[in-house]
Amino acid sequence: MLIEAYGKGGLVPWLVETYSIEFLEKLLSQTFELRRDPEEREREQFDAEREKWLEDNKGKDFVFVNENGKQETINLSAFGWGDD
């Protein structure tokens, strides 16, 4: 089977001769992504978005109104979110 794929007249040499290396790299990358576990991919995307939001807002003050109607200010730099 390897000889059929890699040998003269095989699929791999034909692909390399027909398509650019950039196209083949993108195709392999896309195939790899599509075969990954969707839950794992979603988790990674959520974690990246959470980290970006925290980085963008870490020096900001957020004003909340408590149940008594009093405003409270919380600075996000006091929070250190992590997995531990």
N, C-alpha and C. Protein backbone atom coordinates (compact mmCIF):
# COMPACT_ATOMS: atom_id res chain seq x y z
N MET A 1 0.82 -1.18 0.00
CA MET A 1 0.00 0.00 0.00
C MET A 1 0.87 1.26 0.00
N LEU A 2 1.96 1.26 0.77
CA LEU A 2 2.84 2.42 0.77
C LEU A 2 3.47 2.64 -0.59
N ILE A 3 3.80 1.56 -1.27
CA ILE A 3 4.40 1.70 -2.59
C ILE A 3 3.40 2.33 -3.55
N GLU A 4 2.13 1.96 -3.44
CA GLU A 4 1.10 2.52 -4.29
C GLU A 4 0.91 4.02 -4.03
N ALA A 5 1.05 4.43 -2.79
CA ALA A 5 0.84 5.83 -2.44
C ALA A 5 2.06 6.68 -2.76
N TYR A 6 3.26 6.16 -2.50
CA TYR A 6 4.47 6.95 -2.63
C TYR A 6 5.26 6.66 -3.90
N GLY A 7 5.05 5.53 -4.51
CA GLY A 7 5.84 5.15 -5.68
C GLY A 7 5.49 5.96 -6.92
N LYS A 8 6.20 5.66 -7.99
CA LYS A 8 5.99 6.36 -9.25
C LYS A 8 4.53 6.18 -9.68
N GLY A 9 3.88 7.30 -9.98
CA GLY A 9 2.47 7.26 -10.35
C GLY A 9 1.53 7.17 -9.16
N GLY A 10 2.07 7.26 -7.95
CA GLY A 10 1.25 7.17 -6.75
C GLY A 10 0.55 8.48 -6.43
N LEU A 11 -0.29 8.42 -5.45
CA LEU A 11 -1.11 9.57 -5.08
C LEU A 11 -0.29 10.73 -4.50
N VAL A 12 0.67 10.44 -3.64
CA VAL A 12 1.44 11.50 -2.99
C VAL A 12 2.26 12.30 -4.00
N PRO A 13 3.03 11.66 -4.89
CA PRO A 13 3.74 12.45 -5.89
C PRO A 13 2.79 13.27 -6.78
N TRP A 14 1.65 12.68 -7.12
CA TRP A 14 0.68 13.42 -7.94
C TRP A 14 0.17 14.65 -7.21
N LEU A 15 -0.14 14.52 -5.91
CA LEU A 15 -0.62 15.67 -5.13
C LEU A 15 0.43 16.77 -5.08
N VAL A 16 1.69 16.39 -4.85
CA VAL A 16 2.77 17.37 -4.75
C VAL A 16 3.00 18.07 -6.09
N GLU A 17 2.86 17.34 -7.16
CA GLU A 17 3.04 17.94 -8.48
C GLU A 17 1.85 18.81 -8.89
N THR A 18 0.66 18.49 -8.40
CA THR A 18 -0.56 19.18 -8.82
C THR A 18 -0.87 20.39 -7.97
N TYR A 19 -0.63 20.32 -6.66
CA TYR A 19 -1.02 21.39 -5.74
C TYR A 19 0.21 22.00 -5.06
N SER A 20 0.07 23.24 -4.66
CA SER A 20 1.18 23.91 -3.97
C SER A 20 1.33 23.36 -2.55
N ILE A 21 2.52 23.51 -2.01
CA ILE A 21 2.79 23.04 -0.65
C ILE A 21 1.90 23.79 0.35
N GLU A 22 1.70 25.08 0.14
CA GLU A 22 0.85 25.86 1.04
C GLU A 22 -0.56 25.30 1.08
N PHE A 23 -1.11 24.95 -0.11
CA PHE A 23 -2.45 24.39 -0.17
C PHE A 23 -2.51 23.06 0.58
N LEU A 24 -1.53 22.21 0.36
CA LEU A 24 -1.51 20.89 1.02
C LEU A 24 -1.37 21.03 2.54
N GLU A 25 -0.56 21.98 2.99
CA GLU A 25 -0.42 22.21 4.44
C GLU A 25 -1.74 22.67 5.04
N LYS A 26 -2.42 23.58 4.34
CA LYS A 26 -3.73 24.04 4.84
C LYS A 26 -4.75 22.91 4.84
N LEU A 27 -4.71 22.08 3.83
CA LEU A 27 -5.62 20.94 3.75
C LEU A 27 -5.39 19.97 4.90
N LEU A 28 -4.13 19.65 5.18
CA LEU A 28 -3.82 18.76 6.31
C LEU A 28 -4.22 19.37 7.64
N SER A 29 -3.97 20.66 7.79
CA SER A 29 -4.33 21.35 9.03
C SER A 29 -5.84 21.33 9.23
N GLN A 30 -6.57 21.62 8.17
CA GLN A 30 -8.03 21.62 8.25
C GLN A 30 -8.56 20.22 8.56
N THR A 31 -7.98 19.22 7.93
CA THR A 31 -8.40 17.84 8.18
C THR A 31 -8.14 17.46 9.63
N PHE A 32 -6.99 17.85 10.14
CA PHE A 32 -6.65 17.58 11.54
C PHE A 32 -7.67 18.25 12.48
N GLU A 33 -8.00 19.51 12.22
CA GLU A 33 -8.95 20.23 13.06
C GLU A 33 -10.33 19.58 13.03
N LEU A 34 -10.76 19.17 11.86
CA LEU A 34 -12.10 18.58 11.73
C LEU A 34 -12.19 17.21 12.39
N ARG A 35 -11.06 16.53 12.56
CA ARG A 35 -11.08 15.21 13.18
C ARG A 35 -10.90 15.27 14.70
N ARG A 36 -10.62 16.46 15.21
CA ARG A 36 -10.46 16.62 16.67
C ARG A 36 -11.81 16.52 17.36
N ASP A 37 -11.78 16.27 18.65
CA ASP A 37 -12.98 16.20 19.46
C ASP A 37 -13.62 17.59 19.53
N PRO A 38 -14.88 17.72 19.12
CA PRO A 38 -15.53 19.04 19.12
C PRO A 38 -15.59 19.68 20.51
N GLU A 39 -15.77 18.87 21.54
CA GLU A 39 -15.82 19.41 22.91
C GLU A 39 -14.47 19.98 23.32
N GLU A 40 -13.39 19.30 22.94
CA GLU A 40 -12.05 19.80 23.26
C GLU A 40 -11.78 21.12 22.53
N ARG A 41 -12.16 21.18 21.27
CA ARG A 41 -11.97 22.40 20.48
C ARG A 41 -12.78 23.55 21.08
N GLU A 42 -14.02 23.27 21.50
CA GLU A 42 -14.87 24.30 22.11
C GLU A 42 -14.28 24.77 23.44
N ARG A 43 -13.75 23.83 24.22
CA ARG A 43 -13.12 24.18 25.50
C ARG A 43 -11.92 25.09 25.28
N GLU A 44 -11.08 24.76 24.31
CA GLU A 44 -9.91 25.59 24.01
C GLU A 44 -10.32 26.99 23.56
N GLN A 45 -11.36 27.07 22.73
CA GLN A 45 -11.83 28.37 22.26
C GLN A 45 -12.38 29.20 23.42
N PHE A 46 -13.15 28.56 24.31
CA PHE A 46 -13.69 29.25 25.48
C PHE A 46 -12.57 29.76 26.37
N ASP A 47 -11.56 28.93 26.62
CA ASP A 47 -10.43 29.34 27.46
C ASP A 47 -9.68 30.52 26.84
N ALA A 48 -9.49 30.49 25.53
CA ALA A 48 -8.78 31.59 24.85
C ALA A 48 -9.58 32.88 24.93
N GLU A 49 -10.90 32.80 24.74
CA GLU A 49 -11.75 33.98 24.84
C GLU A 49 -11.76 34.53 26.27
N ARG A 50 -11.79 33.64 27.25
CA ARG A 50 -11.77 34.06 28.65
C ARG A 50 -10.47 34.77 28.99
N GLU A 51 -9.35 34.22 28.54
CA GLU A 51 -8.05 34.84 28.79
C GLU A 51 -7.95 36.21 28.12
N LYS A 52 -8.46 36.32 26.89
CA LYS A 52 -8.42 37.60 26.18
C LYS A 52 -9.28 38.63 26.91
N TRP A 53 -10.49 38.23 27.36
CA TRP A 53 -11.37 39.15 28.07
C TRP A 53 -10.70 39.63 29.36
N LEU A 54 -10.09 38.71 30.09
CA LEU A 54 -9.43 39.08 31.34
C LEU A 54 -8.26 40.01 31.08
N GLU A 55 -7.47 39.72 30.04
CA GLU A 55 -6.34 40.58 29.69
C GLU A 55 -6.81 41.98 29.30
N ASP A 56 -7.89 42.05 28.52
CA ASP A 56 -8.42 43.35 28.08
C ASP A 56 -9.03 44.16 29.23
N ASN A 57 -9.52 43.48 30.27
CA ASN A 57 -10.26 44.17 31.32
C ASN A 57 -9.59 44.14 32.69
N LYS A 58 -8.35 43.64 32.78
CA LYS A 58 -7.75 43.43 34.10
C LYS A 58 -7.50 44.71 34.89
N GLY A 59 -7.35 45.84 34.24
CA GLY A 59 -7.11 47.07 34.97
C GLY A 59 -8.36 47.91 35.18
N LYS A 60 -9.51 47.39 34.77
CA LYS A 60 -10.74 48.17 34.84
C LYS A 60 -11.47 47.96 36.16
N ASP A 61 -12.24 48.96 36.51
CA ASP A 61 -13.13 48.87 37.66
C ASP A 61 -14.54 48.59 37.16
N PHE A 62 -15.22 47.65 37.79
CA PHE A 62 -16.60 47.36 37.46
C PHE A 62 -17.48 47.80 38.63
N VAL A 63 -18.56 48.47 38.28
CA VAL A 63 -19.48 48.98 39.30
C VAL A 63 -20.73 48.11 39.29
N PHE A 64 -21.04 47.55 40.45
CA PHE A 64 -22.21 46.70 40.62
C PHE A 64 -23.13 47.33 41.66
N VAL A 65 -24.39 47.03 41.55
CA VAL A 65 -25.36 47.47 42.54
C VAL A 65 -25.74 46.24 43.35
N ASN A 66 -25.54 46.33 44.69
CA ASN A 66 -25.86 45.17 45.53
C ASN A 66 -27.36 45.13 45.82
N GLU A 67 -27.78 44.14 46.61
CA GLU A 67 -29.21 43.96 46.88
C GLU A 67 -29.83 45.12 47.65
N ASN A 68 -29.01 45.91 48.35
CA ASN A 68 -29.50 47.08 49.08
C ASN A 68 -29.57 48.33 48.21
N GLY A 69 -29.15 48.22 46.96
CA GLY A 69 -29.15 49.36 46.06
C GLY A 69 -27.89 50.20 46.13
N LYS A 70 -26.92 49.77 46.94
CA LYS A 70 -25.67 50.50 47.08
C LYS A 70 -24.69 50.05 45.99
N GLN A 71 -23.98 51.01 45.42
CA GLN A 71 -23.00 50.70 44.38
C GLN A 71 -21.71 50.20 45.01
N GLU A 72 -21.18 49.15 44.42
CA GLU A 72 -19.89 48.62 44.85
C GLU A 72 -18.96 48.59 43.64
N THR A 73 -17.71 48.98 43.87
CA THR A 73 -16.71 49.00 42.80
C THR A 73 -15.73 47.86 43.03
N ILE A 74 -15.50 47.09 41.99
CA ILE A 74 -14.58 45.96 42.07
C ILE A 74 -13.55 46.12 40.97
N ASN A 75 -12.27 46.07 41.36
CA ASN A 75 -11.18 46.14 40.39
C ASN A 75 -10.79 44.72 40.02
N LEU A 76 -10.77 44.42 38.73
CA LEU A 76 -10.48 43.06 38.30
C LEU A 76 -9.04 42.64 38.49
N SER A 77 -8.14 43.60 38.72
CA SER A 77 -6.74 43.22 38.93
C SER A 77 -6.58 42.42 40.23
N ALA A 78 -7.57 42.47 41.11
CA ALA A 78 -7.51 41.72 42.36
C ALA A 78 -7.81 40.23 42.14
N PHE A 79 -8.34 39.89 40.98
CA PHE A 79 -8.69 38.52 40.69
C PHE A 79 -7.59 37.82 39.93
N GLY A 80 -7.28 36.62 40.35
CA GLY A 80 -6.34 35.77 39.63
C GLY A 80 -7.01 34.46 39.31
N TRP A 81 -7.58 34.38 38.14
CA TRP A 81 -8.30 33.16 37.76
C TRP A 81 -7.35 32.16 37.16
N GLY A 82 -7.49 30.93 37.61
CA GLY A 82 -6.66 29.87 37.08
C GLY A 82 -7.35 28.54 37.26
N ASP A 83 -6.68 27.50 36.82
CA ASP A 83 -7.26 26.15 36.90
C ASP A 83 -6.96 25.46 38.21
N ASP A 84 -6.15 26.03 39.06
CA ASP A 84 -5.80 25.37 40.32
C ASP A 84 -6.61 25.82 41.46
